[in-house]
Amino acid sequence: MSASTRNVFSETPGHFRPRSTGLNACLSAIGALFGIAGTGLLAALPDQVALVFVLYVISNLAWVAVAIRTRQPWLLLMNVVYLSIGVLGLSHHL
């Protein structure tokens, strides 16, 4: 196995090990920070629901990208559902 392949795959054939890249770290940070900001805003200013849903949608989009890039189906499922709920909530508040 070449050095570049070892960064992506574990030594056990057939087992995928997610790539740790700067983009994955950036997307994870965006997902976490926008989700935290949305929850904080909801707690502090509950009348700003539309903005909260915008922050949640951005967070969920970032997490969907992370889940796809790192092949995590349960993280993907959870965030696709959250994204759908966020878009529905946003449509009710715009």
PDB file of N, CA and C in Angstrom:
ATOM      1  N   MET A   1       0.849  -1.176   0.000  1.00  0.00           N
ATOM      2  CA  MET A   1       0.000   0.000   0.000  1.00  0.00           C
ATOM      3  C   MET A   1       0.892   1.236   0.000  1.00  0.00           C
ATOM      4  N   SER A   2       0.601   2.178  -0.868  1.00  0.00           N
ATOM      5  CA  SER A   2       1.420   3.389  -0.938  1.00  0.00           C
ATOM      6  C   SER A   2       1.131   4.298   0.248  1.00  0.00           C
ATOM      7  N   ALA A   3       2.018   5.251   0.488  1.00  0.00           N
ATOM      8  CA  ALA A   3       1.854   6.180   1.614  1.00  0.00           C
ATOM      9  C   ALA A   3       0.581   6.998   1.473  1.00  0.00           C
ATOM     10  N   SER A   4       0.248   7.414   0.259  1.00  0.00           N
ATOM     11  CA  SER A   4      -0.972   8.214   0.076  1.00  0.00           C
ATOM     12  C   SER A   4      -2.229   7.384   0.300  1.00  0.00           C
ATOM     13  N   THR A   5      -2.197   6.110  -0.033  1.00  0.00           N
ATOM     14  CA  THR A   5      -3.352   5.249   0.185  1.00  0.00           C
ATOM     15  C   THR A   5      -3.560   4.985   1.670  1.00  0.00           C
ATOM     16  N   ARG A   6      -2.494   4.860   2.437  1.00  0.00           N
ATOM     17  CA  ARG A   6      -2.618   4.621   3.869  1.00  0.00           C
ATOM     18  C   ARG A   6      -3.324   5.763   4.578  1.00  0.00           C
ATOM     19  N   ASN A   7      -3.265   6.973   4.040  1.00  0.00           N
ATOM     20  CA  ASN A   7      -3.954   8.105   4.645  1.00  0.00           C
ATOM     21  C   ASN A   7      -5.464   7.978   4.533  1.00  0.00           C
ATOM     22  N   VAL A   8      -5.935   7.232   3.560  1.00  0.00           N
ATOM     23  CA  VAL A   8      -7.363   7.118   3.318  1.00  0.00           C
ATOM     24  C   VAL A   8      -7.927   5.806   3.865  1.00  0.00           C
ATOM     25  N   PHE A   9      -7.227   4.724   3.706  1.00  0.00           N
ATOM     26  CA  PHE A   9      -7.738   3.418   4.086  1.00  0.00           C
ATOM     27  C   PHE A   9      -6.937   2.836   5.242  1.00  0.00           C
ATOM     28  N   SER A  10      -7.621   2.102   6.103  1.00  0.00           N
ATOM     29  CA  SER A  10      -6.919   1.418   7.186  1.00  0.00           C
ATOM     30  C   SER A  10      -6.159   0.240   6.597  1.00  0.00           C
ATOM     31  N   GLU A  11      -5.361  -0.405   7.427  1.00  0.00           N
ATOM     32  CA  GLU A  11      -4.581  -1.551   6.970  1.00  0.00           C
ATOM     33  C   GLU A  11      -5.463  -2.773   6.702  1.00  0.00           C
ATOM     34  N   THR A  12      -6.648  -2.815   7.285  1.00  0.00           N
ATOM     35  CA  THR A  12      -7.548  -3.931   7.076  1.00  0.00           C
ATOM     36  C   THR A  12      -8.322  -3.732   5.774  1.00  0.00           C
ATOM     37  N   PRO A  13      -8.171  -4.619   4.808  1.00  0.00           N
ATOM     38  CA  PRO A  13      -8.883  -4.457   3.538  1.00  0.00           C
ATOM     39  C   PRO A  13     -10.398  -4.405   3.755  1.00  0.00           C
ATOM     40  N   GLY A  14     -11.039  -3.508   3.045  1.00  0.00           N
ATOM     41  CA  GLY A  14     -12.485  -3.400   3.115  1.00  0.00           C
ATOM     42  C   GLY A  14     -12.988  -2.447   4.178  1.00  0.00           C
ATOM     43  N   HIS A  15     -12.113  -1.929   5.024  1.00  0.00           N
ATOM     44  CA  HIS A  15     -12.535  -0.988   6.059  1.00  0.00           C
ATOM     45  C   HIS A  15     -12.111   0.415   5.662  1.00  0.00           C
ATOM     46  N   PHE A  16     -13.083   1.308   5.614  1.00  0.00           N
ATOM     47  CA  PHE A  16     -12.807   2.684   5.230  1.00  0.00           C
ATOM     48  C   PHE A  16     -12.471   3.505   6.461  1.00  0.00           C
ATOM     49  N   ARG A  17     -11.430   4.276   6.384  1.00  0.00           N
ATOM     50  CA  ARG A  17     -11.094   5.225   7.442  1.00  0.00           C
ATOM     51  C   ARG A  17     -11.208   6.623   6.840  1.00  0.00           C
ATOM     52  N   PRO A  18     -12.088   7.486   7.392  1.00  0.00           N
ATOM     53  CA  PRO A  18     -12.300   8.802   6.799  1.00  0.00           C
ATOM     54  C   PRO A  18     -11.012   9.604   6.687  1.00  0.00           C
ATOM     55  N   ARG A  19     -10.939  10.348   5.635  1.00  0.00           N
ATOM     56  CA  ARG A  19      -9.816  11.226   5.411  1.00  0.00           C
ATOM     57  C   ARG A  19      -9.924  12.423   6.345  1.00  0.00           C
ATOM     58  N   SER A  20      -8.846  12.782   6.975  1.00  0.00           N
ATOM     59  CA  SER A  20      -8.832  13.977   7.816  1.00  0.00           C
ATOM     60  C   SER A  20      -8.225  15.101   6.987  1.00  0.00           C
ATOM     61  N   THR A  21      -9.080  15.961   6.463  1.00  0.00           N
ATOM     62  CA  THR A  21      -8.593  17.037   5.613  1.00  0.00           C
ATOM     63  C   THR A  21      -8.960  18.380   6.215  1.00  0.00           C
ATOM     64  N   GLY A  22      -8.327  19.409   5.717  1.00  0.00           N
ATOM     65  CA  GLY A  22      -8.649  20.759   6.157  1.00  0.00           C
ATOM     66  C   GLY A  22     -10.089  21.119   5.832  1.00  0.00           C
ATOM     67  N   LEU A  23     -10.596  20.646   4.693  1.00  0.00           N
ATOM     68  CA  LEU A  23     -11.969  20.949   4.327  1.00  0.00           C
ATOM     69  C   LEU A  23     -12.952  20.285   5.289  1.00  0.00           C
ATOM     70  N   ASN A  24     -12.699  19.032   5.664  1.00  0.00           N
ATOM     71  CA  ASN A  24     -13.575  18.364   6.624  1.00  0.00           C
ATOM     72  C   ASN A  24     -13.581  19.100   7.955  1.00  0.00           C
ATOM     73  N   ALA A  25     -12.417  19.542   8.404  1.00  0.00           N
ATOM     74  CA  ALA A  25     -12.322  20.291   9.663  1.00  0.00           C
ATOM     75  C   ALA A  25     -13.068  21.608   9.556  1.00  0.00           C
ATOM     76  N   CYS A  26     -12.947  22.282   8.434  1.00  0.00           N
ATOM     77  CA  CYS A  26     -13.639  23.557   8.216  1.00  0.00           C
ATOM     78  C   CYS A  26     -15.153  23.353   8.197  1.00  0.00           C
ATOM     79  N   LEU A  27     -15.614  22.348   7.472  1.00  0.00           N
ATOM     80  CA  LEU A  27     -17.047  22.061   7.416  1.00  0.00           C
ATOM     81  C   LEU A  27     -17.593  21.665   8.786  1.00  0.00           C
ATOM     82  N   SER A  28     -16.823  20.887   9.536  1.00  0.00           N
ATOM     83  CA  SER A  28     -17.247  20.502  10.882  1.00  0.00           C
ATOM     84  C   SER A  28     -17.361  21.719  11.791  1.00  0.00           C
ATOM     85  N   ALA A  29     -16.405  22.628  11.680  1.00  0.00           N
ATOM     86  CA  ALA A  29     -16.447  23.847  12.487  1.00  0.00           C
ATOM     87  C   ALA A  29     -17.655  24.703  12.116  1.00  0.00           C
ATOM     88  N   ILE A  30     -17.914  24.837  10.825  1.00  0.00           N
ATOM     89  CA  ILE A  30     -19.086  25.607  10.380  1.00  0.00           C
ATOM     90  C   ILE A  30     -20.356  24.959  10.911  1.00  0.00           C
ATOM     91  N   GLY A  31     -20.462  23.650  10.784  1.00  0.00           N
ATOM     92  CA  GLY A  31     -21.644  22.940  11.278  1.00  0.00           C
ATOM     93  C   GLY A  31     -21.855  23.145  12.764  1.00  0.00           C
ATOM     94  N   ALA A  32     -20.791  22.995  13.530  1.00  0.00           N
ATOM     95  CA  ALA A  32     -20.903  23.143  14.984  1.00  0.00           C
ATOM     96  C   ALA A  32     -21.210  24.589  15.379  1.00  0.00           C
ATOM     97  N   LEU A  33     -20.467  25.529  14.833  1.00  0.00           N
ATOM     98  CA  LEU A  33     -20.617  26.931  15.252  1.00  0.00           C
ATOM     99  C   LEU A  33     -21.956  27.532  14.840  1.00  0.00           C
ATOM    100  N   PHE A  34     -22.430  27.206  13.647  1.00  0.00           N
ATOM    101  CA  PHE A  34     -23.734  27.732  13.231  1.00  0.00           C
ATOM    102  C   PHE A  34     -24.868  27.085  14.020  1.00  0.00           C
ATOM    103  N   GLY A  35     -24.727  25.803  14.349  1.00  0.00           N
ATOM    104  CA  GLY A  35     -25.726  25.148  15.191  1.00  0.00           C
ATOM    105  C   GLY A  35     -25.770  25.748  16.589  1.00  0.00           C
ATOM    106  N   ILE A  36     -24.593  25.987  17.170  1.00  0.00           N
ATOM    107  CA  ILE A  36     -24.516  26.617  18.489  1.00  0.00           C
ATOM    108  C   ILE A  36     -25.091  28.032  18.442  1.00  0.00           C
ATOM    109  N   ALA A  37     -24.743  28.778  17.398  1.00  0.00           N
ATOM    110  CA  ALA A  37     -25.254  30.152  17.264  1.00  0.00           C
ATOM    111  C   ALA A  37     -26.778  30.157  17.142  1.00  0.00           C
ATOM    112  N   GLY A  38     -27.326  29.214  16.390  1.00  0.00           N
ATOM    113  CA  GLY A  38     -28.778  29.133  16.240  1.00  0.00           C
ATOM    114  C   GLY A  38     -29.470  28.845  17.561  1.00  0.00           C
ATOM    115  N   THR A  39     -28.923  27.914  18.320  1.00  0.00           N
ATOM    116  CA  THR A  39     -29.519  27.574  19.610  1.00  0.00           C
ATOM    117  C   THR A  39     -29.374  28.724  20.596  1.00  0.00           C
ATOM    118  N   GLY A  40     -28.223  29.377  20.598  1.00  0.00           N
ATOM    119  CA  GLY A  40     -28.020  30.539  21.467  1.00  0.00           C
ATOM    120  C   GLY A  40     -28.965  31.672  21.124  1.00  0.00           C
ATOM    121  N   LEU A  41     -29.130  31.921  19.830  1.00  0.00           N
ATOM    122  CA  LEU A  41     -30.049  32.976  19.394  1.00  0.00           C
ATOM    123  C   LEU A  41     -31.486  32.643  19.776  1.00  0.00           C
ATOM    124  N   LEU A  42     -31.872  31.408  19.630  1.00  0.00           N
ATOM    125  CA  LEU A  42     -33.222  30.989  20.003  1.00  0.00           C
ATOM    126  C   LEU A  42     -33.466  31.202  21.498  1.00  0.00           C
ATOM    127  N   ALA A  43     -32.457  30.913  22.311  1.00  0.00           N
ATOM    128  CA  ALA A  43     -32.595  31.090  23.760  1.00  0.00           C
ATOM    129  C   ALA A  43     -32.636  32.575  24.138  1.00  0.00           C
ATOM    130  N   ALA A  44     -31.825  33.383  23.468  1.00  0.00           N
ATOM    131  CA  ALA A  44     -31.716  34.799  23.827  1.00  0.00           C
ATOM    132  C   ALA A  44     -32.815  35.655  23.208  1.00  0.00           C
ATOM    133  N   LEU A  45     -33.148  35.377  21.970  1.00  0.00           N
ATOM    134  CA  LEU A  45     -34.124  36.187  21.231  1.00  0.00           C
ATOM    135  C   LEU A  45     -35.118  35.279  20.517  1.00  0.00           C
ATOM    136  N   PRO A  46     -36.078  34.731  21.237  1.00  0.00           N
ATOM    137  CA  PRO A  46     -36.994  33.759  20.636  1.00  0.00           C
ATOM    138  C   PRO A  46     -37.853  34.314  19.502  1.00  0.00           C
ATOM    139  N   ASP A  47     -37.931  35.624  19.361  1.00  0.00           N
ATOM    140  CA  ASP A  47     -38.724  36.195  18.269  1.00  0.00           C
ATOM    141  C   ASP A  47     -37.968  36.186  16.940  1.00  0.00           C
ATOM    142  N   GLN A  48     -36.710  35.775  16.936  1.00  0.00           N
ATOM    143  CA  GLN A  48     -35.888  35.739  15.719  1.00  0.00           C
ATOM    144  C   GLN A  48     -35.856  34.334  15.103  1.00  0.00           C
ATOM    145  N   VAL A  49     -37.008  33.705  15.040  1.00  0.00           N
ATOM    146  CA  VAL A  49     -37.085  32.306  14.610  1.00  0.00           C
ATOM    147  C   VAL A  49     -36.596  32.120  13.175  1.00  0.00           C
ATOM    148  N   ALA A  50     -36.905  33.038  12.282  1.00  0.00           N
ATOM    149  CA  ALA A  50     -36.471  32.886  10.888  1.00  0.00           C
ATOM    150  C   ALA A  50     -34.951  32.846  10.796  1.00  0.00           C
ATOM    151  N   LEU A  51     -34.277  33.723  11.524  1.00  0.00           N
ATOM    152  CA  LEU A  51     -32.813  33.733  11.510  1.00  0.00           C
ATOM    153  C   LEU A  51     -32.256  32.449  12.125  1.00  0.00           C
ATOM    154  N   VAL A  52     -32.906  31.954  13.160  1.00  0.00           N
ATOM    155  CA  VAL A  52     -32.493  30.694  13.781  1.00  0.00           C
ATOM    156  C   VAL A  52     -32.548  29.568  12.751  1.00  0.00           C
ATOM    157  N   PHE A  53     -33.626  29.495  11.986  1.00  0.00           N
ATOM    158  CA  PHE A  53     -33.735  28.438  10.970  1.00  0.00           C
ATOM    159  C   PHE A  53     -32.679  28.595   9.882  1.00  0.00           C
ATOM    160  N   VAL A  54     -32.339  29.832   9.525  1.00  0.00           N
ATOM    161  CA  VAL A  54     -31.262  30.052   8.541  1.00  0.00           C
ATOM    162  C   VAL A  54     -29.951  29.477   9.084  1.00  0.00           C
ATOM    163  N   LEU A  55     -29.651  29.770  10.346  1.00  0.00           N
ATOM    164  CA  LEU A  55     -28.422  29.257  10.950  1.00  0.00           C
ATOM    165  C   LEU A  55     -28.433  27.730  11.015  1.00  0.00           C
ATOM    166  N   TYR A  56     -29.580  27.156  11.365  1.00  0.00           N
ATOM    167  CA  TYR A  56     -29.690  25.696  11.409  1.00  0.00           C
ATOM    168  C   TYR A  56     -29.515  25.070  10.018  1.00  0.00           C
ATOM    169  N   VAL A  57     -30.084  25.677   9.000  1.00  0.00           N
ATOM    170  CA  VAL A  57     -29.958  25.142   7.641  1.00  0.00           C
ATOM    171  C   VAL A  57     -28.490  25.169   7.203  1.00  0.00           C
ATOM    172  N   ILE A  58     -27.786  26.260   7.489  1.00  0.00           N
ATOM    173  CA  ILE A  58     -26.356  26.331   7.152  1.00  0.00           C
ATOM    174  C   ILE A  58     -25.587  25.247   7.893  1.00  0.00           C
ATOM    175  N   SER A  59     -25.886  25.081   9.178  1.00  0.00           N
ATOM    176  CA  SER A  59     -25.240  24.039   9.974  1.00  0.00           C
ATOM    177  C   SER A  59     -25.500  22.656   9.380  1.00  0.00           C
ATOM    178  N   ASN A  60     -26.749  22.379   9.043  1.00  0.00           N
ATOM    179  CA  ASN A  60     -27.100  21.059   8.505  1.00  0.00           C
ATOM    180  C   ASN A  60     -26.472  20.810   7.145  1.00  0.00           C
ATOM    181  N   LEU A  61     -26.381  21.823   6.305  1.00  0.00           N
ATOM    182  CA  LEU A  61     -25.715  21.654   5.011  1.00  0.00           C
ATOM    183  C   LEU A  61     -24.245  21.284   5.194  1.00  0.00           C
ATOM    184  N   ALA A  62     -23.600  21.946   6.146  1.00  0.00           N
ATOM    185  CA  ALA A  62     -22.195  21.634   6.415  1.00  0.00           C
ATOM    186  C   ALA A  62     -22.048  20.198   6.922  1.00  0.00           C
ATOM    187  N   TRP A  63     -22.934  19.774   7.828  1.00  0.00           N
ATOM    188  CA  TRP A  63     -22.856  18.410   8.358  1.00  0.00           C
ATOM    189  C   TRP A  63     -23.193  17.364   7.303  1.00  0.00           C
ATOM    190  N   VAL A  64     -24.108  17.689   6.392  1.00  0.00           N
ATOM    191  CA  VAL A  64     -24.406  16.767   5.285  1.00  0.00           C
ATOM    192  C   VAL A  64     -23.151  16.568   4.441  1.00  0.00           C
ATOM    193  N   ALA A  65     -22.444  17.650   4.156  1.00  0.00           N
ATOM    194  CA  ALA A  65     -21.211  17.547   3.376  1.00  0.00           C
ATOM    195  C   ALA A  65     -20.166  16.705   4.104  1.00  0.00           C
ATOM    196  N   VAL A  66     -20.019  16.914   5.408  1.00  0.00           N
ATOM    197  CA  VAL A  66     -19.067  16.117   6.194  1.00  0.00           C
ATOM    198  C   VAL A  66     -19.455  14.638   6.146  1.00  0.00           C
ATOM    199  N   ALA A  67     -20.727  14.352   6.328  1.00  0.00           N
ATOM    200  CA  ALA A  67     -21.189  12.964   6.328  1.00  0.00           C
ATOM    201  C   ALA A  67     -20.922  12.286   4.988  1.00  0.00           C
ATOM    202  N   ILE A  68     -21.143  12.994   3.902  1.00  0.00           N
ATOM    203  CA  ILE A  68     -20.888  12.424   2.568  1.00  0.00           C
ATOM    204  C   ILE A  68     -19.397  12.202   2.375  1.00  0.00           C
ATOM    205  N   ARG A  69     -18.601  13.201   2.722  1.00  0.00           N
ATOM    206  CA  ARG A  69     -17.152  13.112   2.510  1.00  0.00           C
ATOM    207  C   ARG A  69     -16.504  12.026   3.366  1.00  0.00           C
ATOM    208  N   THR A  70     -17.055  11.782   4.549  1.00  0.00           N
ATOM    209  CA  THR A  70     -16.453  10.798   5.458  1.00  0.00           C
ATOM    210  C   THR A  70     -17.220   9.476   5.497  1.00  0.00           C
ATOM    211  N   ARG A  71     -18.224   9.357   4.639  1.00  0.00           N
ATOM    212  CA  ARG A  71     -19.012   8.125   4.506  1.00  0.00           C
ATOM    213  C   ARG A  71     -19.625   7.681   5.833  1.00  0.00           C
ATOM    214  N   GLN A  72     -20.374   8.586   6.444  1.00  0.00           N
ATOM    215  CA  GLN A  72     -21.064   8.292   7.703  1.00  0.00           C
ATOM    216  C   GLN A  72     -22.568   8.346   7.461  1.00  0.00           C
ATOM    217  N   PRO A  73     -23.191   7.218   7.149  1.00  0.00           N
ATOM    218  CA  PRO A  73     -24.595   7.219   6.750  1.00  0.00           C
ATOM    219  C   PRO A  73     -25.552   7.698   7.843  1.00  0.00           C
ATOM    220  N   TRP A  74     -25.279   7.408   9.108  1.00  0.00           N
ATOM    221  CA  TRP A  74     -26.195   7.831  10.168  1.00  0.00           C
ATOM    222  C   TRP A  74     -26.106   9.339  10.403  1.00  0.00           C
ATOM    223  N   LEU A  75     -24.924   9.895  10.310  1.00  0.00           N
ATOM    224  CA  LEU A  75     -24.774  11.356  10.403  1.00  0.00           C
ATOM    225  C   LEU A  75     -25.486  12.015   9.223  1.00  0.00           C
ATOM    226  N   LEU A  76     -25.367  11.406   8.054  1.00  0.00           N
ATOM    227  CA  LEU A  76     -26.048  11.916   6.868  1.00  0.00           C
ATOM    228  C   LEU A  76     -27.563  11.868   7.051  1.00  0.00           C
ATOM    229  N   LEU A  77     -28.086  10.731   7.471  1.00  0.00           N
ATOM    230  CA  LEU A  77     -29.529  10.603   7.670  1.00  0.00           C
ATOM    231  C   LEU A  77     -30.044  11.645   8.658  1.00  0.00           C
ATOM    232  N   MET A  78     -29.394  11.759   9.792  1.00  0.00           N
ATOM    233  CA  MET A  78     -29.828  12.700  10.820  1.00  0.00           C
ATOM    234  C   MET A  78     -29.864  14.131  10.282  1.00  0.00           C
ATOM    235  N   ASN A  79     -28.829  14.524   9.556  1.00  0.00           N
ATOM    236  CA  ASN A  79     -28.770  15.901   9.106  1.00  0.00           C
ATOM    237  C   ASN A  79     -29.638  16.180   7.888  1.00  0.00           C
ATOM    238  N   VAL A  80     -29.925  15.176   7.083  1.00  0.00           N
ATOM    239  CA  VAL A  80     -30.907  15.355   6.003  1.00  0.00           C
ATOM    240  C   VAL A  80     -32.292  15.580   6.598  1.00  0.00           C
ATOM    241  N   VAL A  81     -32.618  14.828   7.652  1.00  0.00           N
ATOM    242  CA  VAL A  81     -33.904  15.019   8.335  1.00  0.00           C
ATOM    243  C   VAL A  81     -33.946  16.407   8.979  1.00  0.00           C
ATOM    244  N   TYR A  82     -32.876  16.783   9.710  1.00  0.00           N
ATOM    245  CA  TYR A  82     -32.823  18.115  10.320  1.00  0.00           C
ATOM    246  C   TYR A  82     -32.917  19.210   9.259  1.00  0.00           C
ATOM    247  N   LEU A  83     -32.235  19.009   8.140  1.00  0.00           N
ATOM    248  CA  LEU A  83     -32.273  19.994   7.060  1.00  0.00           C
ATOM    249  C   LEU A  83     -33.690  20.139   6.517  1.00  0.00           C
ATOM    250  N   SER A  84     -34.379  19.037   6.324  1.00  0.00           N
ATOM    251  CA  SER A  84     -35.763  19.077   5.838  1.00  0.00           C
ATOM    252  C   SER A  84     -36.662  19.823   6.817  1.00  0.00           C
ATOM    253  N   ILE A  85     -36.503  19.551   8.105  1.00  0.00           N
ATOM    254  CA  ILE A  85     -37.288  20.244   9.120  1.00  0.00           C
ATOM    255  C   ILE A  85     -36.944  21.731   9.138  1.00  0.00           C
ATOM    256  N   GLY A  86     -35.673  22.054   9.001  1.00  0.00           N
ATOM    257  CA  GLY A  86     -35.235  23.449   8.981  1.00  0.00           C
ATOM    258  C   GLY A  86     -35.799  24.213   7.799  1.00  0.00           C
ATOM    259  N   VAL A  87     -35.785  23.598   6.634  1.00  0.00           N
ATOM    260  CA  VAL A  87     -36.352  24.248   5.439  1.00  0.00           C
ATOM    261  C   VAL A  87     -37.853  24.440   5.605  1.00  0.00           C
ATOM    262  N   LEU A  88     -38.535  23.446   6.157  1.00  0.00           N
ATOM    263  CA  LEU A  88     -39.966  23.570   6.412  1.00  0.00           C
ATOM    264  C   LEU A  88     -40.233  24.713   7.408  1.00  0.00           C
ATOM    265  N   GLY A  89     -39.479  24.746   8.492  1.00  0.00           N
ATOM    266  CA  GLY A  89     -39.640  25.824   9.477  1.00  0.00           C
ATOM    267  C   GLY A  89     -39.341  27.181   8.885  1.00  0.00           C
ATOM    268  N   LEU A  90     -38.307  27.259   8.068  1.00  0.00           N
ATOM    269  CA  LEU A  90     -37.952  28.523   7.424  1.00  0.00           C
ATOM    270  C   LEU A  90     -39.059  28.979   6.492  1.00  0.00           C
ATOM    271  N   SER A  91     -39.658  28.035   5.775  1.00  0.00           N
ATOM    272  CA  SER A  91     -40.732  28.410   4.848  1.00  0.00           C
ATOM    273  C   SER A  91     -41.957  28.959   5.587  1.00  0.00           C
ATOM    274  N   HIS A  92     -42.154  28.576   6.821  1.00  0.00           N
ATOM    275  CA  HIS A  92     -43.267  29.063   7.603  1.00  0.00           C
ATOM    276  C   HIS A  92     -43.012  30.435   8.214  1.00  0.00           C
ATOM    277  N   HIS A  93     -41.753  30.839   8.276  1.00  0.00           N
ATOM    278  CA  HIS A  93     -41.403  32.090   8.948  1.00  0.00           C
ATOM    279  C   HIS A  93     -40.884  33.165   8.007  1.00  0.00           C
ATOM    280  N   LEU A  94     -40.928  32.928   6.727  1.00  0.00           N
ATOM    281  CA  LEU A  94     -40.493  33.969   5.768  1.00  0.00           C
ATOM    282  C   LEU A  94     -41.670  34.595   5.071  1.00  0.00           C
TER     283      LEU A  94
END
